[in-house]
Amino acid sequence: MLTILSLASQAQNLVYDGSFEDTIRCPLEFNGYIQSTLKYWKKSGNISGSVMNSCNTNKWGVPQNGSGFESAHAGNGYIILPTFGGISIQHDFRQFAVGQLKQTLIAGKKYEASMFVSLADSFIYSCKNISIYFSDTIPTYSFYDLYKVQFNFTHPVEVNFNQDLSNKVGWTKLDTTFIASGNERWLTIGNFMPDSLSDSSFVGGNVVQGSYYWDFAAYYIDDVSVELFDDTSLDEDKNSASVTILPNPNNGSFTIKVDAFNKPTTVVITNAMGQVVDNIMVTSSSTIYKNNNLPSGIYFYTIISGGAATNRGKFL
């Protein structure tokens, strides 16, 4: 669920070059990829998204480029990422952008993540599944087999926006808060869901001069921000619990460990489609759970303590 929040004060943006302005060189034809153009942004896997900048008047320009027409939300540049592959020979085609944070995130602290997105004119699908993964290392993936995404990090925090993203005119702000697991130093933007589970819609194309239809979804992205939302910690709330699932990944059997346990806690497990698959009542600091009927995949857990959600996480 998307939560729109405003900050009471101007906090520091922890993302290096969140507006994609710090270029190594002007993005050139067939050479406008993130890893070869931006100083602080990298690729994940085989290839990255592309950089658009007003210094270029051709395919990688702003506001006119080979994917449509859109002015930057701020500054002179933005990136573009495919998030849904409608072409049968490139099913599940994805590109990701990996950014560096100025400091590691602190466990239990609340942060606000936001960015601005716009569906590029020439793409005929929209897709709601844009996420940010925060991790201590850079994730990698297999280029044409995203069902086997390799999450090679140990402290993943996922931020899902799940908002209608069919707008091709102007920018849509995505904004939500999350609780850090701790030690996250990288953020990865993209759609980590396969096409079969993605919430996509056919919207048709809006071809501009020098452009043509693309049979998938791709978004311009600008002004990525991560800020400390407040200076409170879940550990300071007596009604909250810090929960760890071990091992992670697992085979459906794991131990739920609760730090500073002081009252019964419910762990709600949902699958990648948001369906509740189990509710677990935790009555001690260590609870063994076993469910051999869970198919392989990504699952999310929400901790309910004192009648409120106090923590969220993910396991494989």
Protein backbone atom coordinates (compact mmCIF):
# COMPACT_ATOMS: atom_id res chain seq x y z
CA MET A 1 0.00 0.00 0.00
CA LEU A 2 1.36 3.41 -0.97
CA THR A 3 1.68 5.98 1.77
CA ILE A 4 2.13 9.62 0.81
CA LEU A 5 4.03 11.45 3.52
CA SER A 6 5.74 14.80 3.83
CA LEU A 7 8.80 15.51 5.90
CA ALA A 8 8.63 18.05 8.67
CA SER A 9 12.14 19.21 7.88
CA GLN A 10 14.61 18.97 5.04
CA ALA A 11 16.70 15.88 5.64
CA GLN A 12 19.80 14.86 3.73
CA ASN A 13 19.29 12.81 0.58
CA LEU A 14 21.43 9.70 1.09
CA VAL A 15 21.51 8.83 -2.63
CA TYR A 16 24.56 9.92 -4.60
CA ASP A 17 23.38 11.80 -7.71
CA GLY A 18 19.69 10.97 -7.32
CA SER A 19 18.83 13.18 -10.32
CA PHE A 20 21.36 11.50 -12.67
CA GLU A 21 23.33 14.64 -13.44
CA ASP A 22 26.89 13.63 -12.51
CA THR A 23 27.98 12.25 -15.88
CA ILE A 24 31.37 10.86 -16.88
CA ARG A 25 30.56 11.92 -20.44
CA CYS A 26 27.57 12.90 -22.52
CA PRO A 27 25.49 9.80 -23.40
CA LEU A 28 26.15 9.00 -27.06
CA GLU A 29 24.39 6.84 -29.62
CA PHE A 30 24.62 3.14 -28.55
CA ASN A 31 26.75 4.19 -25.60
CA GLY A 32 24.31 5.81 -23.21
CA TYR A 33 24.24 3.03 -20.65
CA ILE A 34 24.31 3.83 -16.95
CA GLN A 35 27.60 2.10 -16.16
CA SER A 36 29.49 4.02 -18.87
CA THR A 37 27.80 7.39 -18.38
CA LEU A 38 27.13 8.06 -14.67
CA LYS A 39 29.72 8.31 -11.91
CA TYR A 40 27.76 6.83 -9.00
CA TRP A 41 25.30 4.46 -10.73
CA LYS A 42 26.10 0.93 -11.89
CA LYS A 43 24.54 -2.00 -13.71
CA SER A 44 23.21 -5.21 -12.19
CA GLY A 45 23.72 -8.33 -14.26
CA ASN A 46 24.49 -8.14 -17.95
CA ILE A 47 23.28 -4.67 -18.84
CA SER A 48 21.84 -1.51 -17.31
CA GLY A 49 19.27 1.06 -18.28
CA SER A 50 20.12 4.10 -20.39
CA VAL A 51 20.82 7.72 -19.54
CA MET A 52 19.05 10.64 -21.23
CA ASN A 53 20.60 14.11 -21.04
CA SER A 54 20.05 17.46 -22.73
CA CYS A 55 23.69 17.47 -23.88
CA ASN A 56 22.62 14.99 -26.57
CA THR A 57 20.24 15.99 -29.37
CA ASN A 58 19.77 12.49 -30.75
CA LYS A 59 18.58 9.15 -29.26
CA TRP A 60 19.62 9.96 -25.67
CA GLY A 61 18.39 13.57 -25.52
CA VAL A 62 16.16 15.52 -23.13
CA PRO A 63 13.36 16.30 -23.67
CA GLN A 64 13.32 14.63 -27.13
CA ASN A 65 14.74 11.11 -27.42
CA GLY A 66 14.23 7.78 -29.13
CA SER A 67 11.62 6.68 -26.57
CA GLY A 68 9.46 9.78 -26.45
CA PHE A 69 9.33 13.36 -25.23
CA GLU A 70 9.65 14.36 -21.58
CA SER A 71 11.41 17.24 -19.83
CA ALA A 72 13.53 16.34 -16.81
CA HIS A 73 11.75 16.64 -13.49
CA ALA A 74 14.78 18.58 -12.31
CA GLY A 75 18.10 19.36 -13.92
CA ASN A 76 19.13 18.08 -17.35
CA GLY A 77 18.89 14.31 -17.20
CA TYR A 78 17.08 11.12 -16.23
CA ILE A 79 17.35 7.37 -16.86
CA ILE A 80 15.04 4.89 -18.59
CA LEU A 81 14.41 1.29 -17.41
CA PRO A 82 12.37 -1.51 -19.07
CA THR A 83 10.16 -3.11 -16.40
CA PHE A 84 7.93 -5.47 -18.39
CA GLY A 85 8.73 -7.54 -21.51
CA GLY A 86 5.85 -8.03 -23.92
CA ILE A 87 7.99 -9.35 -26.77
CA SER A 88 7.74 -13.13 -26.84
CA ILE A 89 11.43 -13.66 -27.64
CA GLN A 90 12.42 -11.33 -24.76
CA HIS A 91 9.87 -12.39 -22.17
CA ASP A 92 10.79 -11.07 -18.72
CA PHE A 93 13.27 -8.64 -20.23
CA ARG A 94 14.54 -6.30 -17.50
CA GLN A 95 17.11 -3.64 -16.85
CA PHE A 96 18.12 -2.35 -13.42
CA ALA A 97 19.89 0.68 -11.98
CA VAL A 98 22.13 0.26 -8.93
CA GLY A 99 22.88 3.36 -6.88
CA GLN A 100 25.27 3.99 -4.01
CA LEU A 101 24.18 5.44 -0.67
CA LYS A 102 26.29 8.03 1.15
CA GLN A 103 26.10 6.04 4.36
CA THR A 104 24.85 2.63 5.45
CA LEU A 105 21.31 2.46 6.78
CA ILE A 106 20.79 1.92 10.50
CA ALA A 107 18.83 -1.10 11.70
CA GLY A 108 15.40 -0.22 13.07
CA LYS A 109 15.40 3.34 11.74
CA LYS A 110 12.58 4.62 9.55
CA TYR A 111 13.49 6.06 6.13
CA GLU A 112 11.51 7.69 3.36
CA ALA A 113 12.14 6.57 -0.24
CA SER A 114 10.82 8.49 -3.22
CA MET A 115 11.33 8.94 -6.94
CA PHE A 116 9.53 10.38 -9.96
CA VAL A 117 8.54 8.18 -12.92
CA SER A 118 6.93 8.70 -16.33
CA LEU A 119 5.92 6.01 -18.83
CA ALA A 120 7.85 6.67 -22.06
CA ASP A 121 5.57 7.62 -24.96
CA SER A 122 6.43 4.84 -27.40
CA PHE A 123 5.88 1.89 -25.06
CA ILE A 124 2.50 0.20 -25.32
CA TYR A 125 2.35 -1.42 -21.86
CA SER A 126 2.33 0.00 -18.35
CA CYS A 127 3.43 -1.95 -15.26
CA LYS A 128 2.82 -1.21 -11.59
CA ASN A 129 5.69 -3.33 -10.32
CA ILE A 130 8.49 -0.85 -9.77
CA SER A 131 10.45 -1.56 -6.60
CA ILE A 132 13.59 -0.52 -4.81
CA TYR A 133 15.79 -3.14 -3.15
CA PHE A 134 18.15 -1.95 -0.45
CA SER A 135 21.06 -4.31 0.22
CA ASP A 136 24.59 -4.56 1.51
CA THR A 137 25.86 -5.89 -1.84
CA ILE A 138 24.86 -5.54 -5.50
CA PRO A 139 22.33 -8.15 -6.71
CA THR A 140 22.90 -10.00 -9.97
CA TYR A 141 20.53 -11.76 -12.30
CA SER A 142 20.42 -13.99 -15.36
CA PHE A 143 19.66 -11.81 -18.40
CA TYR A 144 16.94 -13.92 -20.04
CA ASP A 145 15.82 -16.00 -17.05
CA LEU A 146 14.51 -13.73 -14.30
CA TYR A 147 12.75 -16.63 -12.66
CA LYS A 148 16.24 -17.38 -11.33
CA VAL A 149 17.14 -13.97 -9.96
CA GLN A 150 20.20 -14.35 -7.77
CA PHE A 151 19.81 -12.21 -4.65
CA ASN A 152 23.39 -12.21 -3.45
CA PHE A 153 22.83 -9.99 -0.43
CA THR A 154 22.17 -10.79 3.21
CA HIS A 155 20.13 -7.82 4.47
CA PRO A 156 17.49 -7.15 1.81
CA VAL A 157 14.80 -4.52 2.34
CA GLU A 158 12.23 -4.12 -0.42
CA VAL A 159 10.16 -0.99 -1.03
CA ASN A 160 7.10 -1.54 -3.23
CA PHE A 161 5.05 1.37 -4.57
CA ASN A 162 2.31 -0.51 -6.53
CA GLN A 163 0.66 2.62 -7.94
CA ASP A 164 -1.01 3.20 -11.30
CA LEU A 165 1.83 4.11 -13.65
CA SER A 166 0.11 4.63 -17.00
CA ASN A 167 0.78 8.38 -17.13
CA LYS A 168 2.86 9.44 -20.15
CA VAL A 169 2.53 13.20 -19.66
CA GLY A 170 4.52 14.68 -16.78
CA TRP A 171 5.83 12.89 -13.73
CA THR A 172 4.24 10.69 -11.03
CA LYS A 173 5.78 10.77 -7.57
CA LEU A 174 6.25 7.46 -5.75
CA ASP A 175 6.76 7.93 -2.04
CA THR A 176 6.71 5.56 0.94
CA THR A 177 8.51 4.76 4.20
CA PHE A 178 10.31 1.62 5.36
CA ILE A 179 12.30 0.24 8.28
CA ALA A 180 15.95 -0.59 7.58
CA SER A 181 17.32 -4.01 8.43
CA GLY A 182 20.79 -2.49 8.83
CA ASN A 183 24.02 -2.31 6.77
CA GLU A 184 22.28 -1.52 3.47
CA ARG A 185 24.65 0.48 1.25
CA TRP A 186 23.14 -0.04 -2.23
CA LEU A 187 19.74 0.48 -3.79
CA THR A 188 18.54 -1.27 -6.94
CA ILE A 189 15.60 0.09 -8.97
CA GLY A 190 13.53 -2.12 -11.26
CA ASN A 191 10.85 -4.81 -11.44
CA PHE A 192 11.97 -8.00 -9.68
CA MET A 193 8.78 -9.90 -10.57
CA PRO A 194 8.43 -12.14 -13.65
CA ASP A 195 5.96 -11.00 -16.32
CA SER A 196 3.50 -13.71 -15.27
CA LEU A 197 3.14 -12.09 -11.83
CA SER A 198 3.49 -8.45 -12.88
CA ASP A 199 0.49 -6.11 -12.86
CA SER A 200 0.64 -4.83 -16.45
CA SER A 201 -1.86 -3.17 -18.78
CA PHE A 202 -2.00 -2.45 -22.51
CA VAL A 203 -2.12 1.33 -22.96
CA GLY A 204 -1.16 1.80 -26.61
CA GLY A 205 1.62 3.90 -28.07
CA ASN A 206 2.07 7.59 -28.58
CA VAL A 207 4.76 7.78 -31.24
CA VAL A 208 6.75 10.99 -31.42
CA GLN A 209 9.02 12.17 -34.19
CA GLY A 210 12.02 9.87 -34.63
CA SER A 211 10.46 7.19 -32.45
CA TYR A 212 8.40 4.00 -32.92
CA TYR A 213 6.31 1.52 -30.92
CA TRP A 214 7.96 -0.73 -28.34
CA ASP A 215 6.11 -3.88 -27.27
CA PHE A 216 6.87 -3.66 -23.53
CA ALA A 217 6.94 -1.15 -20.64
CA ALA A 218 9.76 1.27 -19.85
CA TYR A 219 9.88 4.28 -17.56
CA TYR A 220 11.82 7.51 -17.31
CA ILE A 221 13.05 7.85 -13.70
CA ASP A 222 14.31 11.01 -12.00
CA ASP A 223 14.99 12.50 -8.55
CA VAL A 224 15.56 9.34 -6.49
CA SER A 225 15.74 10.14 -2.79
CA VAL A 226 16.29 8.25 0.47
CA GLU A 227 16.10 10.27 3.68
CA LEU A 228 16.00 9.52 7.39
CA PHE A 229 12.33 9.99 8.22
CA ASP A 230 12.73 10.48 11.94
CA ASP A 231 15.12 9.61 14.75
CA THR A 232 13.01 6.91 16.39
CA SER A 233 13.85 3.23 16.50
CA LEU A 234 11.64 0.18 16.75
CA ASP A 235 13.92 -1.01 19.53
CA GLU A 236 12.84 1.99 21.60
CA ASP A 237 9.15 1.04 21.30
CA LYS A 238 8.21 -1.43 24.00
CA ASN A 239 5.27 -2.63 21.90
CA SER A 240 7.46 -3.55 18.93
CA ALA A 241 9.60 -6.60 18.26
CA SER A 242 12.70 -7.13 16.16
CA VAL A 243 12.22 -10.40 14.26
CA THR A 244 14.73 -12.51 12.34
CA ILE A 245 13.99 -15.57 10.18
CA LEU A 246 16.81 -18.16 10.05
CA PRO A 247 17.96 -19.62 7.78
CA ASN A 248 17.15 -17.32 4.86
CA PRO A 249 16.87 -18.71 2.19
CA ASN A 250 15.22 -21.88 3.50
CA ASN A 251 13.12 -24.86 2.35
CA GLY A 252 9.95 -23.96 4.26
CA SER A 253 11.42 -24.85 7.64
CA PHE A 254 12.88 -22.00 9.67
CA THR A 255 13.18 -20.47 13.13
CA ILE A 256 11.49 -17.19 14.05
CA LYS A 257 13.65 -15.35 16.56
CA VAL A 258 12.22 -12.38 18.46
CA ASP A 259 14.57 -10.01 20.28
CA ALA A 260 13.36 -8.48 23.54
CA PHE A 261 10.21 -10.60 23.47
CA ASN A 262 7.57 -9.21 25.85
CA LYS A 263 4.15 -10.12 24.43
CA PRO A 264 2.51 -12.53 21.94
CA THR A 265 3.39 -11.59 18.37
CA THR A 266 1.72 -12.60 15.09
CA VAL A 267 3.75 -13.20 11.95
CA VAL A 268 1.68 -12.88 8.76
CA ILE A 269 3.23 -14.54 5.69
CA THR A 270 2.20 -13.48 2.18
CA ASN A 271 3.35 -14.65 -1.23
CA ALA A 272 4.62 -12.51 -4.11
CA MET A 273 1.04 -11.80 -5.22
CA GLY A 274 0.10 -10.40 -1.80
CA GLN A 275 -1.99 -13.43 -0.78
CA VAL A 276 -1.84 -14.47 2.88
CA VAL A 277 -0.52 -18.04 3.11
CA ASP A 278 -0.19 -18.36 6.89
CA ASN A 279 -0.57 -16.63 10.26
CA ILE A 280 1.87 -17.72 12.95
CA MET A 281 1.36 -16.94 16.63
CA VAL A 282 4.74 -16.47 18.32
CA THR A 283 4.68 -16.89 22.11
CA SER A 284 8.39 -17.12 22.87
CA SER A 285 11.70 -15.67 21.73
CA SER A 286 12.32 -18.66 19.42
CA THR A 287 9.65 -20.48 17.40
CA ILE A 288 10.26 -23.30 14.90
CA TYR A 289 8.03 -23.18 11.82
CA LYS A 290 7.63 -25.83 9.14
CA ASN A 291 5.47 -25.79 6.01
CA ASN A 292 6.43 -28.29 3.28
CA ASN A 293 3.57 -27.02 1.09
CA LEU A 294 5.16 -23.66 0.36
CA PRO A 295 6.24 -23.53 -3.32
CA SER A 296 9.70 -22.13 -4.04
CA GLY A 297 9.68 -18.36 -4.39
CA ILE A 298 9.78 -15.03 -2.58
CA TYR A 299 7.68 -14.54 0.56
CA PHE A 300 7.05 -11.52 2.75
CA TYR A 301 6.35 -11.38 6.45
CA THR A 302 4.66 -8.70 8.54
CA ILE A 303 5.07 -8.57 12.32
CA ILE A 304 1.91 -7.65 14.26
CA SER A 305 2.58 -6.68 17.88
CA GLY A 306 0.39 -4.63 20.16
CA GLY A 307 -2.29 -4.45 17.44
CA ALA A 308 0.00 -2.71 14.90
CA ALA A 309 2.45 -3.70 12.17
CA THR A 310 5.92 -3.09 13.63
CA ASN A 311 8.29 -4.77 11.20
CA ARG A 312 8.40 -6.26 7.72
CA GLY A 313 10.82 -8.43 5.85
CA LYS A 314 11.32 -11.05 3.16
CA PHE A 315 12.60 -14.59 2.86
CA LEU A 316 13.29 -16.99 -0.02
